[in-house]
N, C-alpha and C. Protein backbone atom coordinates (compact mmCIF):
# COMPACT_ATOMS: atom_id res chain seq x y z
N MET A 1 278.38 139.80 17.73
CA MET A 1 277.27 139.47 18.59
C MET A 1 276.82 138.04 18.28
N THR A 2 276.61 137.25 19.31
CA THR A 2 276.23 135.86 19.11
C THR A 2 274.77 135.76 18.71
N THR A 3 274.42 134.61 18.16
CA THR A 3 273.03 134.42 17.72
C THR A 3 272.07 134.39 18.90
N GLU A 4 272.55 133.95 20.07
CA GLU A 4 271.70 133.94 21.27
C GLU A 4 271.33 135.36 21.68
N LYS A 5 272.32 136.25 21.64
CA LYS A 5 272.04 137.65 21.98
C LYS A 5 271.10 138.29 20.97
N VAL A 6 271.30 137.96 19.70
CA VAL A 6 270.44 138.51 18.66
C VAL A 6 269.00 138.02 18.85
N GLU A 7 268.84 136.76 19.19
CA GLU A 7 267.49 136.22 19.43
C GLU A 7 266.83 136.88 20.63
N LYS A 8 267.63 137.11 21.70
CA LYS A 8 267.08 137.80 22.87
C LYS A 8 266.63 139.21 22.49
N LEU A 9 267.47 139.91 21.75
CA LEU A 9 267.11 141.28 21.36
C LEU A 9 265.89 141.30 20.44
N LYS A 10 265.82 140.36 19.51
CA LYS A 10 264.64 140.29 18.64
C LYS A 10 263.37 140.07 19.45
N SER A 11 263.46 139.16 20.40
CA SER A 11 262.29 138.85 21.22
C SER A 11 261.88 140.06 22.06
N LEU A 12 262.85 140.75 22.64
CA LEU A 12 262.53 141.90 23.48
C LEU A 12 262.04 143.08 22.64
N VAL A 13 262.56 143.24 21.44
CA VAL A 13 262.05 144.29 20.54
C VAL A 13 260.61 143.99 20.16
N THR A 14 260.30 142.73 19.95
CA THR A 14 258.92 142.34 19.68
C THR A 14 258.02 142.69 20.87
N LEU A 15 258.51 142.46 22.06
CA LEU A 15 257.77 142.81 23.26
C LEU A 15 257.55 144.32 23.35
N VAL A 16 258.58 145.10 23.03
CA VAL A 16 258.47 146.57 23.05
C VAL A 16 257.44 147.03 22.02
N VAL A 17 257.50 146.48 20.82
CA VAL A 17 256.54 146.85 19.78
C VAL A 17 255.12 146.47 20.20
N GLY A 18 254.98 145.34 20.86
CA GLY A 18 253.67 144.93 21.36
C GLY A 18 253.12 145.93 22.37
N PHE A 19 253.96 146.38 23.29
CA PHE A 19 253.49 147.38 24.26
C PHE A 19 253.15 148.69 23.59
N LEU A 20 253.91 149.08 22.56
CA LEU A 20 253.59 150.31 21.84
C LEU A 20 252.27 150.17 21.07
N LEU A 21 251.99 149.00 20.53
CA LEU A 21 250.71 148.78 19.87
C LEU A 21 249.54 148.83 20.86
N VAL A 22 249.78 148.28 22.05
CA VAL A 22 248.74 148.35 23.08
C VAL A 22 248.51 149.81 23.47
N PHE A 23 249.58 150.61 23.52
CA PHE A 23 249.42 152.04 23.79
C PHE A 23 248.59 152.71 22.71
N LEU A 24 248.84 152.39 21.45
CA LEU A 24 248.08 153.00 20.36
C LEU A 24 246.60 152.63 20.44
N ILE A 25 246.30 151.45 20.93
CA ILE A 25 244.91 151.02 21.02
C ILE A 25 244.23 151.64 22.24
N THR A 26 244.91 151.61 23.40
CA THR A 26 244.27 152.04 24.64
C THR A 26 244.52 153.50 24.99
N LYS A 27 245.54 154.12 24.42
CA LYS A 27 245.94 155.50 24.72
C LYS A 27 246.35 155.70 26.18
N LYS A 28 246.86 154.65 26.82
CA LYS A 28 247.35 154.75 28.19
C LYS A 28 248.87 154.85 28.15
N VAL A 29 249.40 155.89 28.73
CA VAL A 29 250.82 156.22 28.63
C VAL A 29 251.69 155.21 29.37
N VAL A 30 251.14 154.47 30.30
CA VAL A 30 251.92 153.52 31.07
C VAL A 30 252.57 152.48 30.15
N PHE A 31 251.93 152.15 29.04
CA PHE A 31 252.51 151.17 28.12
C PHE A 31 253.73 151.72 27.40
N VAL A 32 253.78 153.02 27.17
CA VAL A 32 254.98 153.64 26.58
C VAL A 32 256.13 153.57 27.57
N TYR A 33 255.85 153.83 28.85
CA TYR A 33 256.89 153.75 29.87
C TYR A 33 257.42 152.32 30.01
N VAL A 34 256.53 151.35 29.98
CA VAL A 34 256.95 149.95 30.06
C VAL A 34 257.82 149.59 28.86
N ALA A 35 257.41 150.02 27.66
CA ALA A 35 258.20 149.74 26.45
C ALA A 35 259.57 150.40 26.53
N PHE A 36 259.61 151.63 27.03
CA PHE A 36 260.88 152.35 27.18
C PHE A 36 261.79 151.62 28.17
N CYS A 37 261.24 151.20 29.30
CA CYS A 37 262.04 150.49 30.30
C CYS A 37 262.58 149.17 29.76
N ILE A 38 261.74 148.44 29.03
CA ILE A 38 262.20 147.17 28.46
C ILE A 38 263.32 147.41 27.44
N SER A 39 263.19 148.44 26.63
CA SER A 39 264.24 148.71 25.64
C SER A 39 265.55 149.11 26.30
N ILE A 40 265.49 149.92 27.36
CA ILE A 40 266.71 150.29 28.08
C ILE A 40 267.35 149.07 28.73
N ILE A 41 266.51 148.22 29.35
CA ILE A 41 267.03 147.00 29.98
C ILE A 41 267.65 146.09 28.93
N ALA A 42 267.00 145.94 27.78
CA ALA A 42 267.51 145.05 26.73
C ALA A 42 268.86 145.53 26.21
N LEU A 43 269.05 146.83 26.15
CA LEU A 43 270.30 147.35 25.59
C LEU A 43 271.44 147.42 26.60
N TYR A 44 271.14 147.73 27.86
CA TYR A 44 272.21 148.05 28.79
C TYR A 44 272.36 147.12 29.99
N ILE A 45 271.37 146.29 30.28
CA ILE A 45 271.47 145.38 31.43
C ILE A 45 271.21 143.95 30.96
N PRO A 46 272.26 143.27 30.49
CA PRO A 46 272.06 141.95 29.87
C PRO A 46 271.51 140.89 30.82
N PHE A 47 271.84 140.95 32.09
CA PHE A 47 271.35 139.93 33.02
C PHE A 47 269.83 140.01 33.15
N ILE A 48 269.31 141.20 33.37
CA ILE A 48 267.86 141.37 33.49
C ILE A 48 267.18 141.12 32.15
N ALA A 49 267.86 141.48 31.06
CA ALA A 49 267.31 141.20 29.73
C ALA A 49 267.16 139.70 29.53
N GLY A 50 268.13 138.93 30.02
CA GLY A 50 268.02 137.47 29.94
C GLY A 50 266.85 136.95 30.75
N LEU A 51 266.64 137.53 31.94
CA LEU A 51 265.50 137.12 32.75
C LEU A 51 264.17 137.47 32.06
N LEU A 52 264.11 138.67 31.48
CA LEU A 52 262.91 139.06 30.74
C LEU A 52 262.65 138.11 29.57
N PHE A 53 263.73 137.77 28.87
CA PHE A 53 263.62 136.85 27.73
C PHE A 53 263.09 135.49 28.18
N ARG A 54 263.64 134.96 29.27
CA ARG A 54 263.18 133.67 29.77
C ARG A 54 261.73 133.73 30.23
N GLY A 55 261.36 134.82 30.88
CA GLY A 55 259.98 134.98 31.31
C GLY A 55 259.02 135.09 30.14
N TRP A 56 259.43 135.85 29.12
CA TRP A 56 258.61 136.02 27.92
C TRP A 56 258.44 134.70 27.18
N THR A 57 259.52 133.95 27.00
CA THR A 57 259.41 132.67 26.31
C THR A 57 258.62 131.66 27.13
N GLY A 58 258.71 131.74 28.47
CA GLY A 58 257.89 130.88 29.31
C GLY A 58 256.41 131.19 29.16
N LEU A 59 256.08 132.48 29.11
CA LEU A 59 254.69 132.88 28.89
C LEU A 59 254.20 132.41 27.53
N ILE A 60 255.04 132.52 26.52
CA ILE A 60 254.67 132.04 25.18
C ILE A 60 254.42 130.54 25.21
N HIS A 61 255.23 129.81 25.95
CA HIS A 61 255.05 128.35 26.05
C HIS A 61 253.71 128.02 26.71
N VAL A 62 253.38 128.74 27.79
CA VAL A 62 252.11 128.51 28.48
C VAL A 62 250.94 128.83 27.56
N LEU A 63 251.02 129.95 26.84
CA LEU A 63 249.94 130.32 25.91
C LEU A 63 249.81 129.31 24.78
N GLY A 64 250.93 128.77 24.30
CA GLY A 64 250.87 127.73 23.28
C GLY A 64 250.20 126.47 23.79
N THR A 65 250.47 126.12 25.05
CA THR A 65 249.81 124.95 25.64
C THR A 65 248.32 125.19 25.76
N ILE A 66 247.94 126.39 26.18
CA ILE A 66 246.52 126.71 26.29
C ILE A 66 245.86 126.62 24.92
N ASN A 67 246.51 127.19 23.91
CA ASN A 67 245.94 127.14 22.56
C ASN A 67 245.79 125.72 22.06
N SER A 68 246.82 124.92 22.22
CA SER A 68 246.78 123.60 21.62
C SER A 68 245.85 122.63 22.35
N TYR A 69 245.78 122.71 23.64
CA TYR A 69 244.96 121.74 24.37
C TYR A 69 243.56 122.27 24.69
N ILE A 70 243.51 123.37 25.38
CA ILE A 70 242.21 123.84 25.86
C ILE A 70 241.35 124.38 24.73
N LEU A 71 241.88 125.30 23.92
CA LEU A 71 241.06 125.89 22.87
C LEU A 71 240.62 124.87 21.82
N LEU A 72 241.50 123.98 21.43
CA LEU A 72 241.12 122.98 20.45
C LEU A 72 240.11 121.99 21.02
N THR A 73 240.21 121.69 22.30
CA THR A 73 239.22 120.82 22.94
C THR A 73 237.86 121.51 22.98
N VAL A 74 237.85 122.78 23.33
CA VAL A 74 236.59 123.53 23.38
C VAL A 74 235.98 123.61 21.99
N ILE A 75 236.79 123.89 20.98
CA ILE A 75 236.28 123.96 19.61
C ILE A 75 235.71 122.61 19.19
N PHE A 76 236.38 121.54 19.56
CA PHE A 76 235.90 120.21 19.21
C PHE A 76 234.53 119.95 19.81
N PHE A 77 234.38 120.21 21.11
CA PHE A 77 233.12 119.89 21.77
C PHE A 77 232.01 120.88 21.46
N ILE A 78 232.33 122.14 21.19
CA ILE A 78 231.28 123.13 20.94
C ILE A 78 230.87 123.19 19.47
N ILE A 79 231.81 122.96 18.56
CA ILE A 79 231.50 123.11 17.13
C ILE A 79 231.40 121.77 16.41
N LEU A 80 232.40 120.93 16.53
CA LEU A 80 232.44 119.73 15.70
C LEU A 80 231.44 118.66 16.12
N ILE A 81 231.29 118.42 17.40
CA ILE A 81 230.33 117.40 17.83
C ILE A 81 228.90 117.78 17.49
N PRO A 82 228.44 119.03 17.75
CA PRO A 82 227.08 119.37 17.32
C PRO A 82 226.89 119.30 15.81
N LEU A 83 227.92 119.66 15.03
CA LEU A 83 227.81 119.54 13.58
C LEU A 83 227.68 118.07 13.16
N ALA A 84 228.41 117.20 13.82
CA ALA A 84 228.31 115.78 13.49
C ALA A 84 226.93 115.23 13.82
N PHE A 85 226.39 115.61 14.97
CA PHE A 85 225.04 115.15 15.33
C PHE A 85 223.99 115.71 14.38
N ALA A 86 224.12 116.98 14.03
CA ALA A 86 223.17 117.59 13.09
C ALA A 86 223.26 116.93 11.73
N SER A 87 224.47 116.60 11.31
CA SER A 87 224.65 115.93 10.02
C SER A 87 223.98 114.57 10.04
N ARG A 88 224.09 113.85 11.14
CA ARG A 88 223.45 112.54 11.23
C ARG A 88 221.93 112.64 11.28
N LEU A 89 221.45 113.70 11.89
CA LEU A 89 219.99 113.86 12.00
C LEU A 89 219.35 114.25 10.67
N PHE A 90 219.99 115.14 9.93
CA PHE A 90 219.34 115.73 8.77
C PHE A 90 219.79 115.19 7.43
N LYS A 91 220.79 114.34 7.40
CA LYS A 91 221.28 113.78 6.14
C LYS A 91 221.21 112.26 6.20
N LYS A 92 220.89 111.68 5.06
CA LYS A 92 221.02 110.23 5.01
C LYS A 92 222.46 109.89 4.67
N ASN A 93 222.89 108.74 5.06
CA ASN A 93 224.27 108.35 4.85
C ASN A 93 224.42 107.83 3.42
N THR A 94 225.04 108.61 2.56
CA THR A 94 225.17 108.25 1.15
C THR A 94 226.31 107.27 0.90
N LEU A 95 227.12 106.99 1.88
CA LEU A 95 228.23 106.07 1.67
C LEU A 95 227.81 104.61 1.76
N LEU A 96 226.63 104.33 2.28
CA LEU A 96 226.24 102.94 2.45
C LEU A 96 225.72 102.29 1.17
N LYS A 97 225.07 103.05 0.31
CA LYS A 97 224.49 102.44 -0.90
C LYS A 97 224.86 103.24 -2.13
N ALA A 98 225.37 102.55 -3.12
CA ALA A 98 225.68 103.19 -4.39
C ALA A 98 224.41 103.39 -5.20
N ASP A 99 223.56 102.41 -5.19
CA ASP A 99 222.24 102.52 -5.82
C ASP A 99 221.26 101.68 -5.01
N SER A 100 220.06 101.62 -5.44
CA SER A 100 219.05 100.94 -4.63
C SER A 100 219.25 99.42 -4.60
N ASP A 101 219.97 98.84 -5.57
CA ASP A 101 220.16 97.40 -5.62
C ASP A 101 221.36 96.94 -4.81
N SER A 102 222.27 97.83 -4.53
CA SER A 102 223.52 97.45 -3.89
C SER A 102 223.51 97.80 -2.40
N ASP A 103 224.30 97.06 -1.64
CA ASP A 103 224.43 97.34 -0.21
C ASP A 103 225.53 98.35 0.10
N SER A 104 226.53 98.47 -0.80
CA SER A 104 227.64 99.39 -0.54
C SER A 104 228.28 99.81 -1.86
N TYR A 105 229.28 100.67 -1.75
CA TYR A 105 230.03 101.11 -2.93
C TYR A 105 231.11 100.11 -3.33
N TYR A 106 231.37 99.14 -2.52
CA TYR A 106 232.44 98.18 -2.79
C TYR A 106 232.08 97.34 -4.00
N ILE A 107 233.01 97.28 -4.95
CA ILE A 107 232.80 96.50 -6.16
C ILE A 107 233.88 95.42 -6.21
N THR A 108 233.48 94.19 -6.36
CA THR A 108 234.42 93.10 -6.49
C THR A 108 234.98 93.13 -7.90
N ARG A 109 236.30 93.16 -8.00
CA ARG A 109 236.94 93.27 -9.30
C ARG A 109 237.88 92.10 -9.48
N GLU A 110 237.66 91.35 -10.51
CA GLU A 110 238.51 90.21 -10.83
C GLU A 110 239.52 90.68 -11.88
N HIS A 111 240.67 91.11 -11.43
CA HIS A 111 241.69 91.62 -12.34
C HIS A 111 243.05 91.12 -11.89
N GLU A 112 243.78 90.54 -12.84
CA GLU A 112 245.12 90.09 -12.54
C GLU A 112 246.09 91.18 -12.98
N TYR A 113 246.89 91.67 -12.04
CA TYR A 113 247.82 92.75 -12.33
C TYR A 113 249.03 92.24 -13.10
N THR A 114 249.43 93.04 -14.09
CA THR A 114 250.61 92.72 -14.90
C THR A 114 251.60 93.86 -14.76
N ALA A 115 252.74 93.70 -15.43
CA ALA A 115 253.77 94.74 -15.39
C ALA A 115 253.28 96.03 -16.07
N GLU A 116 252.42 95.93 -17.03
CA GLU A 116 251.88 97.10 -17.71
C GLU A 116 251.01 97.96 -16.78
N ASP A 117 250.38 97.34 -15.80
CA ASP A 117 249.57 98.10 -14.86
C ASP A 117 250.41 99.03 -13.97
N LEU A 118 251.67 98.68 -13.79
CA LEU A 118 252.54 99.47 -12.93
C LEU A 118 253.32 100.54 -13.67
N LYS A 119 253.21 100.60 -14.97
CA LYS A 119 253.85 101.67 -15.75
C LYS A 119 252.88 102.84 -15.82
N ASN A 120 253.38 104.05 -15.60
CA ASN A 120 252.59 105.27 -15.65
C ASN A 120 251.34 105.14 -14.76
N VAL A 121 251.57 104.90 -13.50
CA VAL A 121 250.48 104.67 -12.56
C VAL A 121 249.58 105.90 -12.48
N TRP A 122 250.15 107.07 -12.59
CA TRP A 122 249.34 108.26 -12.52
C TRP A 122 249.03 108.76 -13.90
C-alpha cells in the first residue's frame, strides 16, 4: 500500500472517529450511520474515498485560515489592545528612568574590547 493511500485512510479513520465521538456526545444515531458509510466508502470505493479526502483536507485548510487570520485578529483587538491601554493608564512607564537623576537606563560605557573579552562569552 502506498503512503498516499495510507494517509487517505488515516484521515478518513479520523473522520469516522470524530463522527463516533459526536454520536457519544449528542446520542443521535445519524452520526453512527455517517461513520459507517464513510468507513465502507474508505475501504471499498477508492474514487469516492479520494473525493472525501480532498473535501476533508479542503475543509481543514479553510478552518486553518479562519483560525490564523480571523480568530487571532479578534483576540488581538478584543484582548491585547484593551490590556495595552489599561497598562498605559494604570502603570507608570518604568523603562524611561532608572532613578530620579537619570533620563533613561542607557549607560555610556567607555570600554575597549580585547581578545580576552571574547573568550567564554557566556
